[in-house]
Amino acid sequence: MTLLDLAVTTGYVVLVLAVGLLKGRGKKDTRDFVVADRRAPWPAVWCSIVATEMSAATFVGMPAVGFGENLHYLQFVVGSLVGRVAIAALFLTAFYRADVLTVYEYLAHRFSNATRYTESLFF
């Protein structure tokens, strides 16, 4: 790792920490921090979920797979988009109605703590 690499990496970490600390001021509890006290618009929530599940490898590497005449990856993208919309419609709606933050909290609310712990074990 060169000195420039180290400087850029260190600067990035410091910037991310600074933004987190500045934006985290005044948050009352975990609910306020995690879901913005339910004030975030649904497009922002959906984009956040998509961004979270996309890795850097997917973002950088997948255009190379689809370059040229190979359109097999396009089928994956279309299916993935349809799947994301379906998941958002089903799960986010259920989470908002149940007023929970995580799937584990939802399982405990909907079924029991035994189900929650079993799912945690399997995951």
C-alpha atoms as a PDB file:
ATOM      1  CA  MET A   1       0.000   0.000   0.000  1.00  0.00           C
ATOM      2  CA  THR A   2       1.486   3.319  -1.047  1.00  0.00           C
ATOM      3  CA  LEU A   3       1.369   6.485   0.980  1.00  0.00           C
ATOM      4  CA  LEU A   4      -1.293   7.889  -1.358  1.00  0.00           C
ATOM      5  CA  ASP A   5      -3.464   4.777  -0.885  1.00  0.00           C
ATOM      6  CA  LEU A   6      -3.137   5.078   2.867  1.00  0.00           C
ATOM      7  CA  ALA A   7      -4.001   8.793   2.779  1.00  0.00           C
ATOM      8  CA  VAL A   8      -7.091   8.231   0.628  1.00  0.00           C
ATOM      9  CA  THR A   9      -8.283   5.317   2.790  1.00  0.00           C
ATOM     10  CA  THR A  10      -7.711   7.247   6.005  1.00  0.00           C
ATOM     11  CA  GLY A  11      -9.453  10.320   4.594  1.00  0.00           C
ATOM     12  CA  TYR A  12     -12.439   8.206   3.561  1.00  0.00           C
ATOM     13  CA  VAL A  13     -12.756   6.613   7.010  1.00  0.00           C
ATOM     14  CA  VAL A  14     -12.501  10.004   8.726  1.00  0.00           C
ATOM     15  CA  LEU A  15     -15.119  11.479   6.372  1.00  0.00           C
ATOM     16  CA  VAL A  16     -17.552   8.601   6.930  1.00  0.00           C
ATOM     17  CA  LEU A  17     -17.132   8.861  10.710  1.00  0.00           C
ATOM     18  CA  ALA A  18     -17.611  12.638  10.622  1.00  0.00           C
ATOM     19  CA  VAL A  19     -20.812  12.381   8.549  1.00  0.00           C
ATOM     20  CA  GLY A  20     -22.121   9.648  10.859  1.00  0.00           C
ATOM     21  CA  LEU A  21     -21.396  11.646  13.987  1.00  0.00           C
ATOM     22  CA  LEU A  22     -22.909  14.839  12.571  1.00  0.00           C
ATOM     23  CA  LYS A  23     -26.036  13.131  11.269  1.00  0.00           C
ATOM     24  CA  GLY A  24     -26.416  11.042  14.442  1.00  0.00           C
ATOM     25  CA  ARG A  25     -26.661  14.026  16.761  1.00  0.00           C
ATOM     26  CA  GLY A  26     -30.047  14.428  18.352  1.00  0.00           C
ATOM     27  CA  LYS A  27     -31.226  10.886  17.671  1.00  0.00           C
ATOM     28  CA  LYS A  28     -33.357   9.705  20.570  1.00  0.00           C
ATOM     29  CA  ASP A  29     -33.213   5.941  20.173  1.00  0.00           C
ATOM     30  CA  THR A  30     -32.535   3.077  17.795  1.00  0.00           C
ATOM     31  CA  ARG A  31     -35.852   3.529  15.985  1.00  0.00           C
ATOM     32  CA  ASP A  32     -35.051   7.160  15.253  1.00  0.00           C
ATOM     33  CA  PHE A  33     -31.587   6.212  13.969  1.00  0.00           C
ATOM     34  CA  VAL A  34     -32.500   3.114  11.934  1.00  0.00           C
ATOM     35  CA  VAL A  35     -35.759   4.171  10.296  1.00  0.00           C
ATOM     36  CA  ALA A  36     -35.657   7.962  10.788  1.00  0.00           C
ATOM     37  CA  ASP A  37     -38.696   7.659  13.042  1.00  0.00           C
ATOM     38  CA  ARG A  38     -40.674   6.527   9.946  1.00  0.00           C
ATOM     39  CA  ARG A  39     -40.268   9.937   8.280  1.00  0.00           C
ATOM     40  CA  ALA A  40     -38.246   8.727   5.273  1.00  0.00           C
ATOM     41  CA  PRO A  41     -40.128   8.591   1.961  1.00  0.00           C
ATOM     42  CA  TRP A  42     -40.538   5.127   0.460  1.00  0.00           C
ATOM     43  CA  PRO A  43     -38.319   5.810  -2.607  1.00  0.00           C
ATOM     44  CA  ALA A  44     -35.439   6.648  -0.257  1.00  0.00           C
ATOM     45  CA  VAL A  45     -36.041   3.461   1.736  1.00  0.00           C
ATOM     46  CA  TRP A  46     -36.197   1.371  -1.430  1.00  0.00           C
ATOM     47  CA  CYS A  47     -32.990   2.909  -2.836  1.00  0.00           C
ATOM     48  CA  SER A  48     -31.270   2.279   0.481  1.00  0.00           C
ATOM     49  CA  ILE A  49     -32.259  -1.389   0.415  1.00  0.00           C
ATOM     50  CA  VAL A  50     -31.064  -1.807  -3.170  1.00  0.00           C
ATOM     51  CA  ALA A  51     -27.785  -0.045  -2.408  1.00  0.00           C
ATOM     52  CA  THR A  52     -27.250  -2.191   0.664  1.00  0.00           C
ATOM     53  CA  GLU A  53     -27.706  -5.463  -1.173  1.00  0.00           C
ATOM     54  CA  MET A  54     -25.503  -4.456  -4.113  1.00  0.00           C
ATOM     55  CA  SER A  55     -21.866  -5.136  -3.450  1.00  0.00           C
ATOM     56  CA  ALA A  56     -18.958  -3.263  -4.963  1.00  0.00           C
ATOM     57  CA  ALA A  57     -18.067  -6.391  -6.924  1.00  0.00           C
ATOM     58  CA  THR A  58     -21.505  -6.394  -8.543  1.00  0.00           C
ATOM     59  CA  PHE A  59     -21.326  -2.699  -9.367  1.00  0.00           C
ATOM     60  CA  VAL A  60     -17.837  -2.924 -10.871  1.00  0.00           C
ATOM     61  CA  GLY A  61     -17.818  -6.424 -12.332  1.00  0.00           C
ATOM     62  CA  MET A  62     -21.248  -6.990 -13.836  1.00  0.00           C
ATOM     63  CA  PRO A  63     -21.030  -4.451 -16.670  1.00  0.00           C
ATOM     64  CA  ALA A  64     -18.130  -6.513 -18.025  1.00  0.00           C
ATOM     65  CA  VAL A  65     -20.352  -9.604 -18.047  1.00  0.00           C
ATOM     66  CA  GLY A  66     -23.020  -7.848 -20.093  1.00  0.00           C
ATOM     67  CA  PHE A  67     -20.643  -6.095 -22.478  1.00  0.00           C
ATOM     68  CA  GLY A  68     -20.985  -6.944 -26.131  1.00  0.00           C
ATOM     69  CA  GLU A  69     -23.568  -9.366 -27.399  1.00  0.00           C
ATOM     70  CA  ASN A  70     -23.997 -11.381 -24.198  1.00  0.00           C
ATOM     71  CA  LEU A  71     -27.473 -10.439 -22.976  1.00  0.00           C
ATOM     72  CA  HIS A  72     -27.850 -13.261 -20.457  1.00  0.00           C
ATOM     73  CA  TYR A  73     -27.142 -10.862 -17.625  1.00  0.00           C
ATOM     74  CA  LEU A  74     -30.050  -8.655 -18.751  1.00  0.00           C
ATOM     75  CA  GLN A  75     -32.435 -11.472 -17.790  1.00  0.00           C
ATOM     76  CA  PHE A  76     -30.946 -11.478 -14.297  1.00  0.00           C
ATOM     77  CA  VAL A  77     -31.311  -7.689 -13.974  1.00  0.00           C
ATOM     78  CA  VAL A  78     -34.967  -7.711 -15.034  1.00  0.00           C
ATOM     79  CA  GLY A  79     -35.784 -10.599 -12.702  1.00  0.00           C
ATOM     80  CA  SER A  80     -33.891  -8.961  -9.873  1.00  0.00           C
ATOM     81  CA  LEU A  81     -35.773  -5.703 -10.336  1.00  0.00           C
ATOM     82  CA  VAL A  82     -39.138  -7.482 -10.302  1.00  0.00           C
ATOM     83  CA  GLY A  83     -38.042  -9.430  -7.225  1.00  0.00           C
ATOM     84  CA  ARG A  84     -36.964  -6.283  -5.395  1.00  0.00           C
ATOM     85  CA  VAL A  85     -40.288  -4.601  -6.038  1.00  0.00           C
ATOM     86  CA  ALA A  86     -42.185  -7.691  -4.844  1.00  0.00           C
ATOM     87  CA  ILE A  87     -40.050  -8.016  -1.714  1.00  0.00           C
ATOM     88  CA  ALA A  88     -40.441  -4.330  -0.916  1.00  0.00           C
ATOM     89  CA  ALA A  89     -44.195  -4.502  -1.390  1.00  0.00           C
ATOM     90  CA  LEU A  90     -44.601  -7.621   0.749  1.00  0.00           C
ATOM     91  CA  PHE A  91     -42.057  -7.265   3.518  1.00  0.00           C
ATOM     92  CA  LEU A  92     -41.782  -3.524   3.998  1.00  0.00           C
ATOM     93  CA  THR A  93     -45.544  -3.237   4.178  1.00  0.00           C
ATOM     94  CA  ALA A  94     -45.697  -6.006   6.783  1.00  0.00           C
ATOM     95  CA  PHE A  95     -42.854  -4.455   8.792  1.00  0.00           C
ATOM     96  CA  TYR A  96     -44.519  -1.035   8.810  1.00  0.00           C
ATOM     97  CA  ARG A  97     -47.884  -2.471   9.830  1.00  0.00           C
ATOM     98  CA  ALA A  98     -46.326  -4.489  12.654  1.00  0.00           C
ATOM     99  CA  ASP A  99     -44.170  -1.496  13.663  1.00  0.00           C
ATOM    100  CA  VAL A 100     -40.963  -3.551  13.809  1.00  0.00           C
ATOM    101  CA  LEU A 101     -37.387  -2.858  12.702  1.00  0.00           C
ATOM    102  CA  THR A 102     -35.998  -6.289  11.855  1.00  0.00           C
ATOM    103  CA  VAL A 103     -37.199  -9.595  10.495  1.00  0.00           C
ATOM    104  CA  TYR A 104     -36.339 -11.192  13.842  1.00  0.00           C
ATOM    105  CA  GLU A 105     -38.534  -8.718  15.680  1.00  0.00           C
ATOM    106  CA  TYR A 106     -41.302  -9.458  13.172  1.00  0.00           C
ATOM    107  CA  LEU A 107     -41.011 -13.221  13.741  1.00  0.00           C
ATOM    108  CA  ALA A 108     -41.253 -12.753  17.504  1.00  0.00           C
ATOM    109  CA  HIS A 109     -44.237 -10.437  17.059  1.00  0.00           C
ATOM    110  CA  ARG A 110     -46.028 -12.666  14.531  1.00  0.00           C
ATOM    111  CA  PHE A 111     -45.201 -16.101  15.969  1.00  0.00           C
ATOM    112  CA  SER A 112     -43.098 -16.383  19.129  1.00  0.00           C
ATOM    113  CA  ASN A 113     -39.641 -15.870  20.549  1.00  0.00           C
ATOM    114  CA  ALA A 114     -38.917 -19.554  19.886  1.00  0.00           C
ATOM    115  CA  THR A 115     -39.401 -18.928  16.158  1.00  0.00           C
ATOM    116  CA  ARG A 116     -37.196 -15.863  16.383  1.00  0.00           C
ATOM    117  CA  TYR A 117     -34.372 -17.789  18.044  1.00  0.00           C
ATOM    118  CA  THR A 118     -34.720 -20.721  15.646  1.00  0.00           C
ATOM    119  CA  GLU A 119     -34.447 -18.393  12.646  1.00  0.00           C
ATOM    120  CA  SER A 120     -31.420 -16.726  14.205  1.00  0.00           C
ATOM    121  CA  LEU A 121     -29.807 -20.115  14.630  1.00  0.00           C
ATOM    122  CA  PHE A 122     -30.495 -21.119  11.029  1.00  0.00           C
ATOM    123  CA  PHE A 123     -29.199 -17.816   9.693  1.00  0.00           C
END
